[in-house]
Amino acid sequence: MKVTNTSVTDKEMTEVLYQAGLNEKQIKTFPSNCYAEKVRILRNARHSLLDSIHKQQTLLDKLDYVLWCTEHQESEGEV
């Protein structure tokens, strides 16, 4: 896939930063940060989001296991 548009509007940037969990002060100062600081902030937000996803996946796996055990107890006549 070839990327042809590498610009993000201020509105899009603000929305993504907000959804990623940055506070208002971080969002307001983001445009004035140097390149390295922007990358650091974005990488930290990405790491935090990915960690959250992994925790949710672990919980989902545990819930699926409990569901599987519950369904098999029912099918065996054990309630």
N, C-alpha and C. Protein backbone atom coordinates (compact mmCIF):
# COMPACT_ATOMS: atom_id res chain seq x y z
N MET A 1 0.84 -1.18 0.00
CA MET A 1 0.00 0.00 0.00
C MET A 1 0.89 1.25 0.00
N LYS A 2 0.68 2.11 -0.95
CA LYS A 2 1.47 3.33 -1.05
C LYS A 2 0.75 4.47 -0.33
N VAL A 3 1.48 5.15 0.54
CA VAL A 3 0.92 6.30 1.26
C VAL A 3 1.21 7.55 0.45
N THR A 4 0.16 8.28 0.13
CA THR A 4 0.36 9.49 -0.67
C THR A 4 0.13 10.76 0.14
N ASN A 5 -0.65 10.66 1.23
CA ASN A 5 -0.93 11.82 2.06
C ASN A 5 -0.32 11.61 3.43
N THR A 6 0.72 12.39 3.74
CA THR A 6 1.40 12.23 5.02
C THR A 6 1.07 13.34 6.01
N SER A 7 0.10 14.16 5.68
CA SER A 7 -0.27 15.25 6.59
C SER A 7 -1.52 14.88 7.39
N VAL A 8 -1.55 15.37 8.61
CA VAL A 8 -2.69 15.16 9.50
C VAL A 8 -3.19 16.53 9.92
N THR A 9 -4.49 16.75 9.86
CA THR A 9 -5.02 18.05 10.27
C THR A 9 -4.89 18.20 11.79
N ASP A 10 -4.93 19.44 12.24
CA ASP A 10 -4.87 19.71 13.68
C ASP A 10 -6.01 19.02 14.41
N LYS A 11 -7.18 19.03 13.80
CA LYS A 11 -8.35 18.40 14.41
C LYS A 11 -8.15 16.89 14.55
N GLU A 12 -7.65 16.27 13.49
CA GLU A 12 -7.38 14.82 13.53
C GLU A 12 -6.33 14.49 14.58
N MET A 13 -5.28 15.30 14.63
CA MET A 13 -4.20 15.09 15.59
C MET A 13 -4.73 15.21 17.02
N THR A 14 -5.51 16.23 17.27
CA THR A 14 -6.07 16.44 18.60
C THR A 14 -6.95 15.27 19.01
N GLU A 15 -7.78 14.80 18.12
CA GLU A 15 -8.67 13.69 18.42
C GLU A 15 -7.89 12.41 18.74
N VAL A 16 -6.88 12.12 17.95
CA VAL A 16 -6.07 10.92 18.18
C VAL A 16 -5.33 11.02 19.51
N LEU A 17 -4.74 12.17 19.79
CA LEU A 17 -4.02 12.35 21.05
C LEU A 17 -4.96 12.23 22.25
N TYR A 18 -6.15 12.79 22.12
CA TYR A 18 -7.15 12.69 23.19
C TYR A 18 -7.56 11.23 23.41
N GLN A 19 -7.85 10.53 22.32
CA GLN A 19 -8.24 9.13 22.43
C GLN A 19 -7.11 8.25 22.97
N ALA A 20 -5.87 8.67 22.73
CA ALA A 20 -4.72 7.91 23.21
C ALA A 20 -4.43 8.16 24.68
N GLY A 21 -5.17 9.09 25.29
CA GLY A 21 -5.05 9.29 26.72
C GLY A 21 -4.21 10.48 27.16
N LEU A 22 -3.79 11.33 26.22
CA LEU A 22 -3.03 12.50 26.61
C LEU A 22 -3.96 13.52 27.26
N ASN A 23 -3.43 14.26 28.21
CA ASN A 23 -4.26 15.28 28.87
C ASN A 23 -4.26 16.57 28.04
N GLU A 24 -5.09 17.51 28.44
CA GLU A 24 -5.25 18.75 27.65
C GLU A 24 -3.94 19.52 27.51
N LYS A 25 -3.17 19.59 28.60
CA LYS A 25 -1.90 20.32 28.54
C LYS A 25 -0.95 19.67 27.54
N GLN A 26 -0.86 18.35 27.55
CA GLN A 26 0.01 17.64 26.61
C GLN A 26 -0.43 17.87 25.17
N ILE A 27 -1.74 17.87 24.95
CA ILE A 27 -2.27 18.06 23.60
C ILE A 27 -1.99 19.48 23.11
N LYS A 28 -2.19 20.47 23.99
CA LYS A 28 -1.97 21.86 23.59
C LYS A 28 -0.50 22.16 23.29
N THR A 29 0.40 21.53 24.03
CA THR A 29 1.82 21.81 23.82
C THR A 29 2.45 20.90 22.76
N PHE A 30 1.74 19.88 22.33
CA PHE A 30 2.29 18.92 21.37
C PHE A 30 2.85 19.58 20.11
N PRO A 31 2.09 20.48 19.46
CA PRO A 31 2.61 21.08 18.20
C PRO A 31 3.92 21.86 18.38
N SER A 32 4.15 22.40 19.57
CA SER A 32 5.36 23.21 19.77
C SER A 32 6.57 22.37 20.20
N ASN A 33 6.37 21.09 20.45
CA ASN A 33 7.48 20.23 20.82
C ASN A 33 8.39 19.96 19.62
N CYS A 34 9.64 19.66 19.92
CA CYS A 34 10.57 19.30 18.86
C CYS A 34 10.21 17.91 18.34
N TYR A 35 10.79 17.56 17.21
CA TYR A 35 10.51 16.28 16.56
C TYR A 35 10.74 15.11 17.52
N ALA A 36 11.88 15.09 18.19
CA ALA A 36 12.23 13.97 19.08
C ALA A 36 11.22 13.84 20.22
N GLU A 37 10.77 14.94 20.76
CA GLU A 37 9.80 14.91 21.85
C GLU A 37 8.44 14.42 21.36
N LYS A 38 8.04 14.82 20.17
CA LYS A 38 6.78 14.33 19.59
C LYS A 38 6.83 12.82 19.42
N VAL A 39 7.94 12.33 18.89
CA VAL A 39 8.09 10.89 18.68
C VAL A 39 8.06 10.16 20.02
N ARG A 40 8.74 10.70 21.03
CA ARG A 40 8.74 10.09 22.36
C ARG A 40 7.33 10.01 22.93
N ILE A 41 6.58 11.10 22.83
CA ILE A 41 5.21 11.14 23.34
C ILE A 41 4.33 10.12 22.61
N LEU A 42 4.44 10.09 21.29
CA LEU A 42 3.64 9.16 20.50
C LEU A 42 4.01 7.71 20.78
N ARG A 43 5.29 7.43 20.91
CA ARG A 43 5.72 6.05 21.22
C ARG A 43 5.25 5.63 22.60
N ASN A 44 5.31 6.53 23.58
CA ASN A 44 4.82 6.22 24.93
C ASN A 44 3.32 5.94 24.92
N ALA A 45 2.57 6.76 24.17
CA ALA A 45 1.13 6.56 24.07
C ALA A 45 0.82 5.23 23.40
N ARG A 46 1.57 4.90 22.37
CA ARG A 46 1.39 3.63 21.67
C ARG A 46 1.70 2.45 22.59
N HIS A 47 2.80 2.55 23.34
CA HIS A 47 3.18 1.49 24.27
C HIS A 47 2.09 1.29 25.33
N SER A 48 1.58 2.37 25.85
CA SER A 48 0.53 2.30 26.86
C SER A 48 -0.73 1.65 26.31
N LEU A 49 -1.11 2.04 25.10
CA LEU A 49 -2.30 1.47 24.47
C LEU A 49 -2.10 -0.02 24.19
N LEU A 50 -0.94 -0.39 23.69
CA LEU A 50 -0.66 -1.79 23.40
C LEU A 50 -0.66 -2.63 24.67
N ASP A 51 -0.13 -2.09 25.75
CA ASP A 51 -0.15 -2.78 27.04
C ASP A 51 -1.59 -3.01 27.50
N SER A 52 -2.42 -2.01 27.32
CA SER A 52 -3.83 -2.12 27.68
C SER A 52 -4.53 -3.20 26.85
N ILE A 53 -4.22 -3.24 25.57
CA ILE A 53 -4.80 -4.25 24.68
C ILE A 53 -4.39 -5.64 25.13
N HIS A 54 -3.12 -5.82 25.49
CA HIS A 54 -2.64 -7.12 25.94
C HIS A 54 -3.33 -7.55 27.24
N LYS A 55 -3.54 -6.61 28.14
CA LYS A 55 -4.25 -6.93 29.39
C LYS A 55 -5.69 -7.34 29.10
N GLN A 56 -6.34 -6.64 28.18
CA GLN A 56 -7.71 -6.98 27.80
C GLN A 56 -7.76 -8.34 27.11
N GLN A 57 -6.75 -8.65 26.29
CA GLN A 57 -6.69 -9.95 25.62
C GLN A 57 -6.53 -11.07 26.64
N THR A 58 -5.72 -10.85 27.65
CA THR A 58 -5.54 -11.84 28.71
C THR A 58 -6.85 -12.08 29.44
N LEU A 59 -7.55 -11.02 29.75
CA LEU A 59 -8.85 -11.15 30.40
C LEU A 59 -9.84 -11.89 29.50
N LEU A 60 -9.85 -11.57 28.22
CA LEU A 60 -10.73 -12.24 27.28
C LEU A 60 -10.42 -13.74 27.21
N ASP A 61 -9.14 -14.08 27.19
CA ASP A 61 -8.74 -15.49 27.17
C ASP A 61 -9.23 -16.21 28.42
N LYS A 62 -9.11 -15.57 29.58
CA LYS A 62 -9.57 -16.18 30.83
C LYS A 62 -11.08 -16.35 30.83
N LEU A 63 -11.79 -15.35 30.34
CA LEU A 63 -13.24 -15.42 30.25
C LEU A 63 -13.67 -16.53 29.30
N ASP A 64 -13.00 -16.65 28.18
CA ASP A 64 -13.30 -17.74 27.24
C ASP A 64 -13.08 -19.10 27.89
N TYR A 65 -12.04 -19.23 28.70
CA TYR A 65 -11.76 -20.49 29.38
C TYR A 65 -12.87 -20.82 30.38
N VAL A 66 -13.29 -19.83 31.16
CA VAL A 66 -14.37 -20.04 32.13
C VAL A 66 -15.66 -20.40 31.39
N LEU A 67 -15.92 -19.76 30.29
CA LEU A 67 -17.10 -20.07 29.48
C LEU A 67 -17.02 -21.50 28.96
N TRP A 68 -15.88 -21.90 28.45
CA TRP A 68 -15.69 -23.25 27.94
C TRP A 68 -15.91 -24.27 29.05
N CYS A 69 -15.33 -24.03 30.23
CA CYS A 69 -15.51 -24.94 31.36
C CYS A 69 -16.98 -25.02 31.78
N THR A 70 -17.64 -23.89 31.81
CA THR A 70 -19.05 -23.85 32.18
C THR A 70 -19.90 -24.62 31.19
N GLU A 71 -19.65 -24.43 29.92
CA GLU A 71 -20.42 -25.14 28.89
C GLU A 71 -20.20 -26.65 28.98
N HIS A 72 -18.98 -27.07 29.28
CA HIS A 72 -18.70 -28.50 29.34
C HIS A 72 -19.26 -29.13 30.62
N GLN A 73 -19.36 -28.35 31.69
CA GLN A 73 -20.01 -28.86 32.89
C GLN A 73 -21.49 -29.11 32.61
N GLU A 74 -22.11 -28.19 31.91
CA GLU A 74 -23.54 -28.30 31.56
C GLU A 74 -23.77 -29.52 30.69
N SER A 75 -22.89 -29.73 29.72
CA SER A 75 -23.06 -30.87 28.81
C SER A 75 -22.83 -32.21 29.50
N GLU A 76 -22.08 -32.19 30.61
CA GLU A 76 -21.82 -33.40 31.37
C GLU A 76 -22.86 -33.64 32.46
N GLY A 77 -23.80 -32.70 32.58
CA GLY A 77 -24.84 -32.83 33.59
C GLY A 77 -24.45 -32.31 34.95
N GLU A 78 -23.31 -31.68 35.07
CA GLU A 78 -22.86 -31.11 36.34
C GLU A 78 -23.19 -29.63 36.35
N VAL A 79 -24.01 -29.22 37.27
CA VAL A 79 -24.36 -27.80 37.35
C VAL A 79 -24.03 -27.26 38.71
